[in-house]
Amino acid sequence: MTYGISSLDPEWGTPDRLQALKRGHWLIENRLHWRKDVTFDEDVSLFHVGQGPLVMAALRDIAINLLHASGVRRIASRLRALSQFPAEAIAIVTRPSPLTHGPRGMTT
């Protein structure tokens, strides 16, 4: 980084600290973007007007989060499998979440 503006105090915003913060941000950003781009071809999406891009990004995030919540770690592989068995995909979406339901499916 050659130039940068920060609201951090000088003792907290040292050049090394600012560089580490910037790298950490882009590491997270690149991981998230890579997953969505590779898995969902987000960069070639045909949704370019109005709220379409935001809605589709939210739906992609929901799909990834639902798969993670059901224990899936290989998202692309699981999506390919689910494309052949839509009933299983619907089951993932309609399954009660362990975060919102207690024992025996009772709402907490």
PDB file of N, CA and C in Angstrom:
ATOM      1  N   MET A   1       0.854  -1.156   0.000  1.00  0.00           N
ATOM      2  CA  MET A   1       0.000   0.000   0.000  1.00  0.00           C
ATOM      3  C   MET A   1       0.906   1.226   0.000  1.00  0.00           C
ATOM      4  N   THR A   2       0.684   2.136  -0.922  1.00  0.00           N
ATOM      5  CA  THR A   2       1.492   3.336  -1.006  1.00  0.00           C
ATOM      6  C   THR A   2       0.876   4.458  -0.183  1.00  0.00           C
ATOM      7  N   TYR A   3      -0.431   4.705  -0.379  1.00  0.00           N
ATOM      8  CA  TYR A   3      -1.131   5.746   0.355  1.00  0.00           C
ATOM      9  C   TYR A   3      -2.406   5.161   0.932  1.00  0.00           C
ATOM     10  N   GLY A   4      -2.821   5.663   2.065  1.00  0.00           N
ATOM     11  CA  GLY A   4      -4.068   5.194   2.651  1.00  0.00           C
ATOM     12  C   GLY A   4      -4.579   6.191   3.670  1.00  0.00           C
ATOM     13  N   ILE A   5      -5.866   6.204   3.865  1.00  0.00           N
ATOM     14  CA  ILE A   5      -6.494   7.066   4.857  1.00  0.00           C
ATOM     15  C   ILE A   5      -7.193   6.151   5.848  1.00  0.00           C
ATOM     16  N   SER A   6      -7.004   6.438   7.123  1.00  0.00           N
ATOM     17  CA  SER A   6      -7.604   5.607   8.162  1.00  0.00           C
ATOM     18  C   SER A   6      -8.081   6.483   9.302  1.00  0.00           C
ATOM     19  N   SER A   7      -9.105   6.037   9.988  1.00  0.00           N
ATOM     20  CA  SER A   7      -9.582   6.746  11.171  1.00  0.00           C
ATOM     21  C   SER A   7      -8.944   6.179  12.437  1.00  0.00           C
ATOM     22  N   LEU A   8      -8.047   5.204  12.285  1.00  0.00           N
ATOM     23  CA  LEU A   8      -7.370   4.624  13.444  1.00  0.00           C
ATOM     24  C   LEU A   8      -6.364   5.612  14.015  1.00  0.00           C
ATOM     25  N   ASP A   9      -6.201   5.561  15.340  1.00  0.00           N
ATOM     26  CA  ASP A   9      -5.162   6.358  15.982  1.00  0.00           C
ATOM     27  C   ASP A   9      -3.798   5.891  15.479  1.00  0.00           C
ATOM     28  N   PRO A  10      -2.808   6.779  15.435  1.00  0.00           N
ATOM     29  CA  PRO A  10      -1.486   6.398  14.906  1.00  0.00           C
ATOM     30  C   PRO A  10      -0.870   5.175  15.588  1.00  0.00           C
ATOM     31  N   GLU A  11      -1.110   5.014  16.902  1.00  0.00           N
ATOM     32  CA  GLU A  11      -0.515   3.845  17.567  1.00  0.00           C
ATOM     33  C   GLU A  11      -1.195   2.539  17.143  1.00  0.00           C
ATOM     34  N   TRP A  12      -2.443   2.613  16.713  1.00  0.00           N
ATOM     35  CA  TRP A  12      -3.153   1.419  16.243  1.00  0.00           C
ATOM     36  C   TRP A  12      -3.045   1.270  14.732  1.00  0.00           C
ATOM     37  N   GLY A  13      -2.891   2.362  14.030  1.00  0.00           N
ATOM     38  CA  GLY A  13      -2.881   2.328  12.574  1.00  0.00           C
ATOM     39  C   GLY A  13      -1.492   2.398  11.982  1.00  0.00           C
ATOM     40  N   THR A  14      -0.598   1.571  12.474  1.00  0.00           N
ATOM     41  CA  THR A  14       0.755   1.540  11.913  1.00  0.00           C
ATOM     42  C   THR A  14       0.688   0.992  10.487  1.00  0.00           C
ATOM     43  N   PRO A  15       1.680   1.296   9.655  1.00  0.00           N
ATOM     44  CA  PRO A  15       1.664   0.776   8.278  1.00  0.00           C
ATOM     45  C   PRO A  15       1.534  -0.749   8.211  1.00  0.00           C
ATOM     46  N   ASP A  16       2.252  -1.460   9.085  1.00  0.00           N
ATOM     47  CA  ASP A  16       2.163  -2.927   9.062  1.00  0.00           C
ATOM     48  C   ASP A  16       0.767  -3.403   9.442  1.00  0.00           C
ATOM     49  N   ARG A  17       0.166  -2.764  10.444  1.00  0.00           N
ATOM     50  CA  ARG A  17      -1.186  -3.144  10.880  1.00  0.00           C
ATOM     51  C   ARG A  17      -2.199  -2.853   9.781  1.00  0.00           C
ATOM     52  N   LEU A  18      -2.105  -1.699   9.144  1.00  0.00           N
ATOM     53  CA  LEU A  18      -3.038  -1.360   8.059  1.00  0.00           C
ATOM     54  C   LEU A  18      -2.916  -2.343   6.902  1.00  0.00           C
ATOM     55  N   GLN A  19      -1.690  -2.714   6.580  1.00  0.00           N
ATOM     56  CA  GLN A  19      -1.486  -3.674   5.502  1.00  0.00           C
ATOM     57  C   GLN A  19      -2.078  -5.036   5.868  1.00  0.00           C
ATOM     58  N   ALA A  20      -1.904  -5.468   7.119  1.00  0.00           N
ATOM     59  CA  ALA A  20      -2.466  -6.748   7.565  1.00  0.00           C
ATOM     60  C   ALA A  20      -3.988  -6.703   7.523  1.00  0.00           C
ATOM     61  N   LEU A  21      -4.577  -5.597   7.946  1.00  0.00           N
ATOM     62  CA  LEU A  21      -6.036  -5.462   7.896  1.00  0.00           C
ATOM     63  C   LEU A  21      -6.546  -5.523   6.460  1.00  0.00           C
ATOM     64  N   LYS A  22      -5.859  -4.844   5.571  1.00  0.00           N
ATOM     65  CA  LYS A  22      -6.275  -4.832   4.165  1.00  0.00           C
ATOM     66  C   LYS A  22      -6.160  -6.228   3.552  1.00  0.00           C
ATOM     67  N   ARG A  23      -5.055  -6.906   3.814  1.00  0.00           N
ATOM     68  CA  ARG A  23      -4.879  -8.262   3.287  1.00  0.00           C
ATOM     69  C   ARG A  23      -5.927  -9.214   3.850  1.00  0.00           C
ATOM     70  N   GLY A  24      -6.208  -9.086   5.138  1.00  0.00           N
ATOM     71  CA  GLY A  24      -7.227  -9.936   5.751  1.00  0.00           C
ATOM     72  C   GLY A  24      -8.592  -9.720   5.127  1.00  0.00           C
ATOM     73  N   HIS A  25      -8.927  -8.458   4.856  1.00  0.00           N
ATOM     74  CA  HIS A  25     -10.212  -8.165   4.216  1.00  0.00           C
ATOM     75  C   HIS A  25     -10.304  -8.821   2.846  1.00  0.00           C
ATOM     76  N   TRP A  26      -9.255  -8.676   2.042  1.00  0.00           N
ATOM     77  CA  TRP A  26      -9.306  -9.218   0.688  1.00  0.00           C
ATOM     78  C   TRP A  26      -9.231 -10.739   0.674  1.00  0.00           C
ATOM     79  N   LEU A  27      -8.592 -11.332   1.667  1.00  0.00           N
ATOM     80  CA  LEU A  27      -8.566 -12.787   1.760  1.00  0.00           C
ATOM     81  C   LEU A  27      -9.980 -13.324   1.935  1.00  0.00           C
ATOM     82  N   ILE A  28     -10.727 -12.713   2.865  1.00  0.00           N
ATOM     83  CA  ILE A  28     -12.114 -13.126   3.095  1.00  0.00           C
ATOM     84  C   ILE A  28     -12.955 -12.842   1.866  1.00  0.00           C
ATOM     85  N   GLU A  29     -12.824 -11.652   1.311  1.00  0.00           N
ATOM     86  CA  GLU A  29     -13.597 -11.268   0.129  1.00  0.00           C
ATOM     87  C   GLU A  29     -13.337 -12.213  -1.035  1.00  0.00           C
ATOM     88  N   ASN A  30     -12.081 -12.539  -1.282  1.00  0.00           N
ATOM     89  CA  ASN A  30     -11.748 -13.414  -2.402  1.00  0.00           C
ATOM     90  C   ASN A  30     -12.287 -14.826  -2.194  1.00  0.00           C
ATOM     91  N   ARG A  31     -12.240 -15.334  -0.972  1.00  0.00           N
ATOM     92  CA  ARG A  31     -12.783 -16.673  -0.706  1.00  0.00           C
ATOM     93  C   ARG A  31     -14.277 -16.721  -0.972  1.00  0.00           C
ATOM     94  N   LEU A  32     -15.009 -15.714  -0.474  1.00  0.00           N
ATOM     95  CA  LEU A  32     -16.453 -15.692  -0.675  1.00  0.00           C
ATOM     96  C   LEU A  32     -16.787 -15.519  -2.150  1.00  0.00           C
ATOM     97  N   HIS A  33     -16.119 -14.581  -2.795  1.00  0.00           N
ATOM     98  CA  HIS A  33     -16.412 -14.327  -4.197  1.00  0.00           C
ATOM     99  C   HIS A  33     -16.054 -15.540  -5.056  1.00  0.00           C
ATOM    100  N   TRP A  34     -14.923 -16.158  -4.768  1.00  0.00           N
ATOM    101  CA  TRP A  34     -14.495 -17.314  -5.566  1.00  0.00           C
ATOM    102  C   TRP A  34     -15.535 -18.417  -5.482  1.00  0.00           C
ATOM    103  N   ARG A  35     -16.012 -18.699  -4.274  1.00  0.00           N
ATOM    104  CA  ARG A  35     -17.002 -19.770  -4.116  1.00  0.00           C
ATOM    105  C   ARG A  35     -18.262 -19.463  -4.910  1.00  0.00           C
ATOM    106  N   LYS A  36     -18.763 -18.243  -4.791  1.00  0.00           N
ATOM    107  CA  LYS A  36     -19.995 -17.907  -5.496  1.00  0.00           C
ATOM    108  C   LYS A  36     -19.773 -17.842  -6.999  1.00  0.00           C
ATOM    109  N   ASP A  37     -18.614 -17.353  -7.427  1.00  0.00           N
ATOM    110  CA  ASP A  37     -18.360 -17.252  -8.861  1.00  0.00           C
ATOM    111  C   ASP A  37     -18.178 -18.632  -9.483  1.00  0.00           C
ATOM    112  N   VAL A  38     -17.394 -19.478  -8.850  1.00  0.00           N
ATOM    113  CA  VAL A  38     -17.131 -20.800  -9.416  1.00  0.00           C
ATOM    114  C   VAL A  38     -18.370 -21.688  -9.328  1.00  0.00           C
ATOM    115  N   THR A  39     -19.059 -21.650  -8.204  1.00  0.00           N
ATOM    116  CA  THR A  39     -20.206 -22.531  -8.010  1.00  0.00           C
ATOM    117  C   THR A  39     -21.431 -22.075  -8.785  1.00  0.00           C
ATOM    118  N   PHE A  40     -21.684 -20.778  -8.797  1.00  0.00           N
ATOM    119  CA  PHE A  40     -22.915 -20.257  -9.397  1.00  0.00           C
ATOM    120  C   PHE A  40     -22.678 -19.419 -10.650  1.00  0.00           C
ATOM    121  N   ASP A  41     -21.442 -19.353 -11.156  1.00  0.00           N
ATOM    122  CA  ASP A  41     -21.123 -18.515 -12.322  1.00  0.00           C
ATOM    123  C   ASP A  41     -21.649 -17.092 -12.147  1.00  0.00           C
ATOM    124  N   GLU A  42     -21.427 -16.538 -10.959  1.00  0.00           N
ATOM    125  CA  GLU A  42     -21.979 -15.233 -10.627  1.00  0.00           C
ATOM    126  C   GLU A  42     -21.494 -14.125 -11.563  1.00  0.00           C
ATOM    127  N   ASP A  43     -20.264 -14.207 -12.028  1.00  0.00           N
ATOM    128  CA  ASP A  43     -19.740 -13.150 -12.887  1.00  0.00           C
ATOM    129  C   ASP A  43     -20.398 -13.115 -14.266  1.00  0.00           C
ATOM    130  N   VAL A  44     -21.016 -14.199 -14.692  1.00  0.00           N
ATOM    131  CA  VAL A  44     -21.686 -14.210 -15.995  1.00  0.00           C
ATOM    132  C   VAL A  44     -23.204 -14.166 -15.861  1.00  0.00           C
ATOM    133  N   SER A  45     -23.658 -13.760 -14.680  1.00  0.00           N
ATOM    134  CA  SER A  45     -25.098 -13.667 -14.433  1.00  0.00           C
ATOM    135  C   SER A  45     -25.741 -12.704 -15.417  1.00  0.00           C
ATOM    136  N   LEU A  46     -26.961 -13.015 -15.828  1.00  0.00           N
ATOM    137  CA  LEU A  46     -27.698 -12.167 -16.760  1.00  0.00           C
ATOM    138  C   LEU A  46     -28.607 -11.185 -16.039  1.00  0.00           C
ATOM    139  N   PHE A  47     -28.564 -11.163 -14.712  1.00  0.00           N
ATOM    140  CA  PHE A  47     -29.363 -10.229 -13.929  1.00  0.00           C
ATOM    141  C   PHE A  47     -28.563  -8.946 -13.724  1.00  0.00           C
ATOM    142  N   HIS A  48     -28.946  -7.890 -14.443  1.00  0.00           N
ATOM    143  CA  HIS A  48     -28.189  -6.641 -14.387  1.00  0.00           C
ATOM    144  C   HIS A  48     -29.067  -5.428 -14.095  1.00  0.00           C
ATOM    145  N   VAL A  49     -30.367  -5.621 -13.944  1.00  0.00           N
ATOM    146  CA  VAL A  49     -31.270  -4.478 -13.858  1.00  0.00           C
ATOM    147  C   VAL A  49     -31.978  -4.455 -12.509  1.00  0.00           C
ATOM    148  N   GLY A  50     -32.196  -3.271 -11.992  1.00  0.00           N
ATOM    149  CA  GLY A  50     -32.973  -3.092 -10.768  1.00  0.00           C
ATOM    150  C   GLY A  50     -32.384  -3.865  -9.593  1.00  0.00           C
ATOM    151  N   GLN A  51     -33.244  -4.528  -8.853  1.00  0.00           N
ATOM    152  CA  GLN A  51     -32.841  -5.272  -7.663  1.00  0.00           C
ATOM    153  C   GLN A  51     -32.432  -6.716  -7.988  1.00  0.00           C
ATOM    154  N   GLY A  52     -32.488  -7.099  -9.255  1.00  0.00           N
ATOM    155  CA  GLY A  52     -32.161  -8.464  -9.661  1.00  0.00           C
ATOM    156  C   GLY A  52     -30.824  -8.968  -9.152  1.00  0.00           C
ATOM    157  N   PRO A  53     -29.727  -8.213  -9.342  1.00  0.00           N
ATOM    158  CA  PRO A  53     -28.433  -8.701  -8.864  1.00  0.00           C
ATOM    159  C   PRO A  53     -28.392  -8.907  -7.350  1.00  0.00           C
ATOM    160  N   LEU A  54     -29.004  -8.006  -6.588  1.00  0.00           N
ATOM    161  CA  LEU A  54     -29.012  -8.143  -5.129  1.00  0.00           C
ATOM    162  C   LEU A  54     -29.842  -9.339  -4.683  1.00  0.00           C
ATOM    163  N   VAL A  55     -30.987  -9.535  -5.330  1.00  0.00           N
ATOM    164  CA  VAL A  55     -31.850 -10.662  -4.982  1.00  0.00           C
ATOM    165  C   VAL A  55     -31.146 -11.978  -5.291  1.00  0.00           C
ATOM    166  N   MET A  56     -30.524 -12.075  -6.457  1.00  0.00           N
ATOM    167  CA  MET A  56     -29.836 -13.314  -6.817  1.00  0.00           C
ATOM    168  C   MET A  56     -28.641 -13.576  -5.899  1.00  0.00           C
ATOM    169  N   ALA A  57     -27.907 -12.538  -5.531  1.00  0.00           N
ATOM    170  CA  ALA A  57     -26.787 -12.716  -4.596  1.00  0.00           C
ATOM    171  C   ALA A  57     -27.301 -13.216  -3.255  1.00  0.00           C
ATOM    172  N   ALA A  58     -28.422 -12.674  -2.797  1.00  0.00           N
ATOM    173  CA  ALA A  58     -29.010 -13.122  -1.528  1.00  0.00           C
ATOM    174  C   ALA A  58     -29.456 -14.581  -1.623  1.00  0.00           C
ATOM    175  N   LEU A  59     -30.067 -14.962  -2.737  1.00  0.00           N
ATOM    176  CA  LEU A  59     -30.503 -16.356  -2.910  1.00  0.00           C
ATOM    177  C   LEU A  59     -29.312 -17.311  -2.949  1.00  0.00           C
ATOM    178  N   ARG A  60     -28.231 -16.902  -3.588  1.00  0.00           N
ATOM    179  CA  ARG A  60     -27.016 -17.730  -3.605  1.00  0.00           C
ATOM    180  C   ARG A  60     -26.448 -17.881  -2.195  1.00  0.00           C
ATOM    181  N   ASP A  61     -26.434 -16.785  -1.438  1.00  0.00           N
ATOM    182  CA  ASP A  61     -25.950 -16.850  -0.051  1.00  0.00           C
ATOM    183  C   ASP A  61     -26.827 -17.770   0.791  1.00  0.00           C
ATOM    184  N   ILE A  62     -28.135 -17.692   0.599  1.00  0.00           N
ATOM    185  CA  ILE A  62     -29.056 -18.556   1.340  1.00  0.00           C
ATOM    186  C   ILE A  62     -28.790 -20.010   0.997  1.00  0.00           C
ATOM    187  N   ALA A  63     -28.596 -20.307  -0.285  1.00  0.00           N
ATOM    188  CA  ALA A  63     -28.326 -21.692  -0.698  1.00  0.00           C
ATOM    189  C   ALA A  63     -27.056 -22.211  -0.043  1.00  0.00           C
ATOM    190  N   ILE A  64     -25.998 -21.418  -0.057  1.00  0.00           N
ATOM    191  CA  ILE A  64     -24.730 -21.837   0.562  1.00  0.00           C
ATOM    192  C   ILE A  64     -24.923 -22.053   2.054  1.00  0.00           C
ATOM    193  N   ASN A  65     -25.627 -21.133   2.725  1.00  0.00           N
ATOM    194  CA  ASN A  65     -25.838 -21.252   4.165  1.00  0.00           C
ATOM    195  C   ASN A  65     -26.704 -22.452   4.520  1.00  0.00           C
ATOM    196  N   LEU A  66     -27.743 -22.730   3.731  1.00  0.00           N
ATOM    197  CA  LEU A  66     -28.578 -23.907   3.987  1.00  0.00           C
ATOM    198  C   LEU A  66     -27.769 -25.203   3.842  1.00  0.00           C
ATOM    199  N   LEU A  67     -26.941 -25.258   2.820  1.00  0.00           N
ATOM    200  CA  LEU A  67     -26.114 -26.449   2.635  1.00  0.00           C
ATOM    201  C   LEU A  67     -25.109 -26.604   3.777  1.00  0.00           C
ATOM    202  N   HIS A  68     -24.500 -25.507   4.197  1.00  0.00           N
ATOM    203  CA  HIS A  68     -23.570 -25.565   5.329  1.00  0.00           C
ATOM    204  C   HIS A  68     -24.285 -26.036   6.590  1.00  0.00           C
ATOM    205  N   ALA A  69     -25.493 -25.502   6.827  1.00  0.00           N
ATOM    206  CA  ALA A  69     -26.256 -25.867   8.023  1.00  0.00           C
ATOM    207  C   ALA A  69     -26.632 -27.344   8.028  1.00  0.00           C
ATOM    208  N   SER A  70     -26.757 -27.939   6.840  1.00  0.00           N
ATOM    209  CA  SER A  70     -27.080 -29.362   6.788  1.00  0.00           C
ATOM    210  C   SER A  70     -25.837 -30.237   6.684  1.00  0.00           C
ATOM    211  N   GLY A  71     -24.671 -29.640   6.932  1.00  0.00           N
ATOM    212  CA  GLY A  71     -23.443 -30.423   7.022  1.00  0.00           C
ATOM    213  C   GLY A  71     -22.654 -30.567   5.734  1.00  0.00           C
ATOM    214  N   VAL A  72     -23.069 -29.906   4.676  1.00  0.00           N
ATOM    215  CA  VAL A  72     -22.386 -30.024   3.387  1.00  0.00           C
ATOM    216  C   VAL A  72     -21.176 -29.094   3.377  1.00  0.00           C
ATOM    217  N   ARG A  73     -20.044 -29.610   2.939  1.00  0.00           N
ATOM    218  CA  ARG A  73     -18.844 -28.785   2.822  1.00  0.00           C
ATOM    219  C   ARG A  73     -18.403 -28.633   1.369  1.00  0.00           C
ATOM    220  N   ARG A  74     -18.736 -29.593   0.528  1.00  0.00           N
ATOM    221  CA  ARG A  74     -18.387 -29.516  -0.894  1.00  0.00           C
ATOM    222  C   ARG A  74     -19.628 -29.042  -1.656  1.00  0.00           C
ATOM    223  N   ILE A  75     -19.790 -27.725  -1.678  1.00  0.00           N
ATOM    224  CA  ILE A  75     -21.011 -27.101  -2.181  1.00  0.00           C
ATOM    225  C   ILE A  75     -21.281 -27.444  -3.644  1.00  0.00           C
ATOM    226  N   ALA A  76     -20.297 -27.261  -4.514  1.00  0.00           N
ATOM    227  CA  ALA A  76     -20.506 -27.489  -5.951  1.00  0.00           C
ATOM    228  C   ALA A  76     -20.898 -28.928  -6.222  1.00  0.00           C
ATOM    229  N   SER A  77     -20.227 -29.855  -5.590  1.00  0.00           N
ATOM    230  CA  SER A  77     -20.529 -31.276  -5.778  1.00  0.00           C
ATOM    231  C   SER A  77     -21.953 -31.600  -5.328  1.00  0.00           C
ATOM    232  N   ARG A  78     -22.339 -31.044  -4.180  1.00  0.00           N
ATOM    233  CA  ARG A  78     -23.682 -31.306  -3.651  1.00  0.00           C
ATOM    234  C   ARG A  78     -24.751 -30.677  -4.528  1.00  0.00           C
ATOM    235  N   LEU A  79     -24.486 -29.486  -5.059  1.00  0.00           N
ATOM    236  CA  LEU A  79     -25.455 -28.850  -5.959  1.00  0.00           C
ATOM    237  C   LEU A  79     -25.668 -29.676  -7.221  1.00  0.00           C
ATOM    238  N   ARG A  80     -24.585 -30.252  -7.753  1.00  0.00           N
ATOM    239  CA  ARG A  80     -24.731 -31.121  -8.934  1.00  0.00           C
ATOM    240  C   ARG A  80     -25.587 -32.335  -8.598  1.00  0.00           C
ATOM    241  N   ALA A  81     -25.355 -32.917  -7.425  1.00  0.00           N
ATOM    242  CA  ALA A  81     -26.152 -34.081  -7.018  1.00  0.00           C
ATOM    243  C   ALA A  81     -27.617 -33.692  -6.812  1.00  0.00           C
ATOM    244  N   LEU A  82     -27.843 -32.556  -6.169  1.00  0.00           N
ATOM    245  CA  LEU A  82     -29.218 -32.121  -5.915  1.00  0.00           C
ATOM    246  C   LEU A  82     -29.959 -31.755  -7.197  1.00  0.00           C
ATOM    247  N   SER A  83     -29.238 -31.357  -8.237  1.00  0.00           N
ATOM    248  CA  SER A  83     -29.910 -31.033  -9.497  1.00  0.00           C
ATOM    249  C   SER A  83     -30.577 -32.266 -10.107  1.00  0.00           C
ATOM    250  N   GLN A  84     -30.094 -33.438  -9.746  1.00  0.00           N
ATOM    251  CA  GLN A  84     -30.684 -34.686 -10.241  1.00  0.00           C
ATOM    252  C   GLN A  84     -31.814 -35.191  -9.337  1.00  0.00           C
ATOM    253  N   PHE A  85     -31.865 -34.675  -8.104  1.00  0.00           N
ATOM    254  CA  PHE A  85     -32.859 -35.122  -7.130  1.00  0.00           C
ATOM    255  C   PHE A  85     -33.503 -33.909  -6.453  1.00  0.00           C
ATOM    256  N   PRO A  86     -34.402 -33.213  -7.155  1.00  0.00           N
ATOM    257  CA  PRO A  86     -34.985 -31.985  -6.608  1.00  0.00           C
ATOM    258  C   PRO A  86     -35.736 -32.191  -5.301  1.00  0.00           C
ATOM    259  N   ALA A  87     -36.293 -33.376  -5.073  1.00  0.00           N
ATOM    260  CA  ALA A  87     -37.004 -33.631  -3.814  1.00  0.00           C
ATOM    261  C   ALA A  87     -36.061 -33.498  -2.623  1.00  0.00           C
ATOM    262  N   GLU A  88     -34.809 -33.917  -2.799  1.00  0.00           N
ATOM    263  CA  GLU A  88     -33.827 -33.767  -1.715  1.00  0.00           C
ATOM    264  C   GLU A  88     -33.510 -32.290  -1.481  1.00  0.00           C
ATOM    265  N   ALA A  89     -33.442 -31.511  -2.553  1.00  0.00           N
ATOM    266  CA  ALA A  89     -33.183 -30.073  -2.412  1.00  0.00           C
ATOM    267  C   ALA A  89     -34.325 -29.412  -1.646  1.00  0.00           C
ATOM    268  N   ILE A  90     -35.553 -29.786  -1.963  1.00  0.00           N
ATOM    269  CA  ILE A  90     -36.712 -29.227  -1.263  1.00  0.00           C
ATOM    270  C   ILE A  90     -36.691 -29.641   0.210  1.00  0.00           C
ATOM    271  N   ALA A  91     -36.263 -30.867   0.480  1.00  0.00           N
ATOM    272  CA  ALA A  91     -36.173 -31.329   1.870  1.00  0.00           C
ATOM    273  C   ALA A  91     -35.184 -30.486   2.672  1.00  0.00           C
ATOM    274  N   ILE A  92     -34.082 -30.084   2.050  1.00  0.00           N
ATOM    275  CA  ILE A  92     -33.102 -29.235   2.749  1.00  0.00           C
ATOM    276  C   ILE A  92     -33.720 -27.883   3.083  1.00  0.00           C
ATOM    277  N   VAL A  93     -34.485 -27.335   2.157  1.00  0.00           N
ATOM    278  CA  VAL A  93     -35.091 -26.021   2.361  1.00  0.00           C
ATOM    279  C   VAL A  93     -36.200 -26.073   3.411  1.00  0.00           C
ATOM    280  N   THR A  94     -36.969 -27.135   3.441  1.00  0.00           N
ATOM    281  CA  THR A  94     -38.126 -27.214   4.338  1.00  0.00           C
ATOM    282  C   THR A  94     -37.807 -27.859   5.684  1.00  0.00           C
ATOM    283  N   ARG A  95     -36.618 -28.410   5.838  1.00  0.00           N
ATOM    284  CA  ARG A  95     -36.230 -29.042   7.104  1.00  0.00           C
ATOM    285  C   ARG A  95     -36.166 -27.988   8.197  1.00  0.00           C
ATOM    286  N   PRO A  96     -36.715 -28.292   9.400  1.00  0.00           N
ATOM    287  CA  PRO A  96     -36.602 -27.329  10.510  1.00  0.00           C
ATOM    288  C   PRO A  96     -35.139 -27.069  10.850  1.00  0.00           C
ATOM    289  N   SER A  97     -34.831 -25.828  11.102  1.00  0.00           N
ATOM    290  CA  SER A  97     -33.464 -25.448  11.444  1.00  0.00           C
ATOM    291  C   SER A  97     -33.176 -25.786  12.896  1.00  0.00           C
ATOM    292  N   PRO A  98     -31.990 -26.342  13.189  1.00  0.00           N
ATOM    293  CA  PRO A  98     -31.650 -26.615  14.587  1.00  0.00           C
ATOM    294  C   PRO A  98     -31.502 -25.325  15.396  1.00  0.00           C
ATOM    295  N   LEU A  99     -31.348 -24.194  14.727  1.00  0.00           N
ATOM    296  CA  LEU A  99     -31.209 -22.923  15.437  1.00  0.00           C
ATOM    297  C   LEU A  99     -32.552 -22.369  15.898  1.00  0.00           C
ATOM    298  N   THR A 100     -33.643 -22.741  15.230  1.00  0.00           N
ATOM    299  CA  THR A 100     -34.954 -22.197  15.577  1.00  0.00           C
ATOM    300  C   THR A 100     -35.855 -23.219  16.242  1.00  0.00           C
ATOM    301  N   HIS A 101     -35.438 -24.467  16.302  1.00  0.00           N
ATOM    302  CA  HIS A 101     -36.264 -25.503  16.896  1.00  0.00           C
ATOM    303  C   HIS A 101     -35.484 -26.255  17.959  1.00  0.00           C
ATOM    304  N   GLY A 102     -36.134 -26.517  19.030  1.00  0.00           N
ATOM    305  CA  GLY A 102     -35.522 -27.278  20.117  1.00  0.00           C
ATOM    306  C   GLY A 102     -35.759 -28.754  19.926  1.00  0.00           C
ATOM    307  N   PRO A 103     -35.692 -29.535  20.996  1.00  0.00           N
ATOM    308  CA  PRO A 103     -35.915 -30.971  20.921  1.00  0.00           C
ATOM    309  C   PRO A 103     -37.313 -31.287  20.407  1.00  0.00           C
ATOM    310  N   ARG A 104     -37.425 -32.342  19.648  1.00  0.00           N
ATOM    311  CA  ARG A 104     -38.683 -32.850  19.107  1.00  0.00           C
ATOM    312  C   ARG A 104     -39.405 -31.836  18.219  1.00  0.00           C
ATOM    313  N   GLY A 105     -38.624 -30.924  17.601  1.00  0.00           N
ATOM    314  CA  GLY A 105     -39.213 -29.995  16.638  1.00  0.00           C
ATOM    315  C   GLY A 105     -40.035 -28.888  17.251  1.00  0.00           C
ATOM    316  N   MET A 106     -39.986 -28.721  18.552  1.00  0.00           N
ATOM    317  CA  MET A 106     -40.760 -27.659  19.209  1.00  0.00           C
ATOM    318  C   MET A 106     -40.060 -26.324  18.979  1.00  0.00           C
ATOM    319  N   THR A 107     -40.839 -25.320  18.640  1.00  0.00           N
ATOM    320  CA  THR A 107     -40.259 -23.993  18.437  1.00  0.00           C
ATOM    321  C   THR A 107     -39.842 -23.426  19.774  1.00  0.00           C
ATOM    322  N   THR A 108     -38.593 -22.903  19.815  1.00  0.00           N
ATOM    323  CA  THR A 108     -38.082 -22.347  21.077  1.00  0.00           C
ATOM    324  C   THR A 108     -38.315 -20.863  21.147  1.00  0.00           C
TER     325      THR A 108
END
